[in-house]
C-alpha cells in the first residue's frame, strides 16, 4: 500500500489536534468560528496564481493559522493539506464557501497576510511563527 504525502499531512494534523496542540483551556477556539454555517463539505481551498510567493508551511503553522481563521478541528483536518499544497505551489489561496470567498491568504517575504470575512485581517510572521500587528502601509508616515 502506497501512502501519499497528503495522507501523511492529514494524519500529522489529526495527531497534533488530538494531542491538544491547538486547544485553549476549554478546548474551544479563542476566536469565533464560522464552522456552524459551513460544514467541511461546503468549504474548499482554491489555489491562486500571482498573489504571493510560494511558501512551505509546517503542519503546526497550518493548524495555528486555520484555528485563528475560526475553523473547527474537522475542517482543519479536511482542508489543511489542500491549503498547504496551494501555499507551497503559488503562495496564495482562497477558502471558498460555495461561491463566496471567506478567507484570502497570500505569502510575501517573511509574512503570511490573511483577510477573513468573519475575523478581519491579520498577519502571521513566518520567521517568528506567531501573529504580529499588521504593518503600516508604505508611505503612511508622510
Protein backbone atom coordinates (compact mmCIF):
# COMPACT_ATOMS: atom_id res chain seq x y z
CA UNK A 1 0.00 0.00 0.00
CA UNK A 2 1.40 3.38 -1.02
CA UNK A 3 0.86 6.30 1.34
CA UNK A 4 0.85 9.75 -0.23
CA UNK A 5 2.19 12.97 1.23
CA UNK A 6 -1.36 14.36 1.57
CA UNK A 7 -2.34 11.38 3.74
CA UNK A 8 0.72 11.85 5.95
CA UNK A 9 0.00 15.58 6.36
CA UNK A 10 -3.63 14.85 7.23
CA UNK A 11 -2.51 12.30 9.79
CA UNK A 12 0.00 14.73 11.33
CA UNK A 13 -2.67 17.42 11.57
CA UNK A 14 -5.09 14.96 13.20
CA UNK A 15 -2.44 13.82 15.67
CA UNK A 16 -1.48 17.38 16.57
CA UNK A 17 -5.10 18.32 17.14
CA UNK A 18 -5.76 15.19 19.15
CA UNK A 19 -2.72 15.86 21.33
CA UNK A 20 -4.19 19.23 22.29
CA UNK A 21 -1.71 21.32 20.34
CA UNK A 22 -4.44 23.74 19.26
CA UNK A 23 -6.65 23.87 22.28
CA UNK A 24 -7.18 26.72 24.67
CA UNK A 25 -8.03 25.90 28.28
CA UNK A 26 -11.63 24.93 27.49
CA UNK A 27 -10.79 23.09 24.28
CA UNK A 28 -12.62 25.70 22.19
CA UNK A 29 -11.05 28.14 19.78
CA UNK A 30 -10.48 31.55 21.37
CA UNK A 31 -11.86 33.14 18.19
CA UNK A 32 -15.42 32.94 16.88
CA UNK A 33 -15.99 30.30 14.24
CA UNK A 34 -17.96 30.25 11.04
CA UNK A 35 -17.98 26.45 11.26
CA UNK A 36 -21.63 26.28 12.35
CA UNK A 37 -22.81 27.62 9.00
CA UNK A 38 -20.15 25.97 6.87
CA UNK A 39 -19.53 22.25 7.05
CA UNK A 40 -16.25 20.92 5.62
CA UNK A 41 -18.05 19.59 2.56
CA UNK A 42 -19.27 23.13 1.84
CA UNK A 43 -15.76 24.59 2.05
CA UNK A 44 -12.93 24.24 -0.40
CA UNK A 45 -9.45 25.66 -0.89
CA UNK A 46 -8.65 27.25 -4.23
CA UNK A 47 -5.10 27.95 -5.30
CA UNK A 48 -4.49 31.46 -6.65
CA UNK A 49 -1.77 32.42 -9.10
CA UNK A 50 0.20 35.66 -8.89
CA UNK A 51 -0.95 36.66 -5.43
CA UNK A 52 2.04 35.64 -3.33
CA UNK A 53 5.37 33.90 -3.02
CA UNK A 54 5.42 30.12 -2.62
CA UNK A 55 5.97 29.07 0.99
CA UNK A 56 6.31 25.64 2.60
CA UNK A 57 4.26 25.80 5.80
CA UNK A 58 4.69 23.29 8.61
CA UNK A 59 1.67 21.34 9.81
CA UNK A 60 1.79 23.24 13.12
CA UNK A 61 1.66 26.56 11.24
CA UNK A 62 -1.29 25.42 9.13
CA UNK A 63 -3.14 24.39 12.30
CA UNK A 64 -2.36 27.68 14.07
CA UNK A 65 -3.49 29.79 11.11
CA UNK A 66 -6.65 27.77 10.47
CA UNK A 67 -7.62 27.95 14.15
CA UNK A 68 -7.17 31.74 14.02
CA UNK A 69 -9.46 31.83 10.99
CA UNK A 70 -12.07 30.08 13.14
CA UNK A 71 -12.19 26.61 11.62
CA UNK A 72 -13.26 23.56 13.59
CA UNK A 73 -10.87 20.61 14.08
CA UNK A 74 -12.62 18.52 11.45
CA UNK A 75 -12.36 21.33 8.92
CA UNK A 76 -8.65 21.73 9.63
CA UNK A 77 -8.09 18.01 9.08
CA UNK A 78 -10.13 18.08 5.85
CA UNK A 79 -8.79 21.33 4.37
CA UNK A 80 -5.28 21.61 5.86
CA UNK A 81 -3.49 19.51 3.23
CA UNK A 82 -5.16 21.46 0.39
CA UNK A 83 -4.17 24.78 1.96
CA UNK A 84 -0.59 23.62 2.45
CA UNK A 85 -0.40 22.42 -1.17
CA UNK A 86 -1.78 25.71 -2.50
CA UNK A 87 0.61 27.82 -0.43
CA UNK A 88 3.55 25.64 -1.46
CA UNK A 89 2.63 25.92 -5.14
CA UNK A 90 1.80 29.62 -5.52
CA UNK A 91 1.88 31.33 -2.13
CA UNK A 92 -1.77 32.37 -2.41
CA UNK A 93 -5.08 30.66 -1.70
CA UNK A 94 -8.73 31.33 -1.00
CA UNK A 95 -11.08 29.44 1.26
CA UNK A 96 -14.42 29.32 -0.50
CA UNK A 97 -17.91 28.61 0.85
CA UNK A 98 -19.98 27.99 -2.25
CA UNK A 99 -19.23 30.96 -4.50
CA UNK A 100 -18.39 33.22 -1.54
CA UNK A 101 -14.75 33.92 -0.64
CA UNK A 102 -14.46 33.50 3.13
CA UNK A 103 -10.68 33.86 3.50
CA UNK A 104 -7.80 35.07 1.34
CA UNK A 105 -4.19 34.16 2.14
CA UNK A 106 -1.02 35.44 0.48
CA UNK A 107 2.63 34.99 1.44
CA UNK A 108 5.12 37.77 0.83
CA UNK A 109 8.73 37.60 2.02
CA UNK A 110 8.52 36.64 5.71
CA UNK A 111 4.80 37.18 6.28
CA UNK A 112 1.51 35.50 5.52
CA UNK A 113 -1.30 38.01 5.08
CA UNK A 114 -4.81 36.80 5.85
CA UNK A 115 -8.13 38.52 5.12
CA UNK A 116 -11.18 36.85 6.60
CA UNK A 117 -14.82 37.89 6.25
CA UNK A 118 -15.54 36.87 9.84
CA UNK A 119 -12.18 37.52 11.54
CA UNK A 120 -10.85 40.61 9.77
CA UNK A 121 -7.24 40.94 8.63
CA UNK A 122 -4.16 39.64 10.37
CA UNK A 123 -0.53 38.82 9.68
CA UNK A 124 1.43 35.69 10.55
CA UNK A 125 5.21 36.13 10.76
CA UNK A 126 6.79 33.06 9.18
CA UNK A 127 10.20 33.61 10.82
CA UNK A 128 8.80 34.07 14.32
CA UNK A 129 5.92 31.60 13.83
CA UNK A 130 3.42 33.91 15.50
CA UNK A 131 0.78 36.51 14.68
CA UNK A 132 2.08 40.08 14.56
CA UNK A 133 0.47 43.51 14.24
CA UNK A 134 -0.44 44.49 10.71
CA UNK A 135 2.50 46.54 9.34
CA UNK A 136 1.77 50.12 8.24
CA UNK A 137 1.20 50.84 4.58
CA UNK A 138 4.26 52.14 2.71
CA UNK A 139 4.32 55.93 2.86
CA UNK A 140 1.76 56.07 5.69
CA UNK A 141 4.01 58.36 7.76
CA UNK A 142 4.11 61.08 5.12
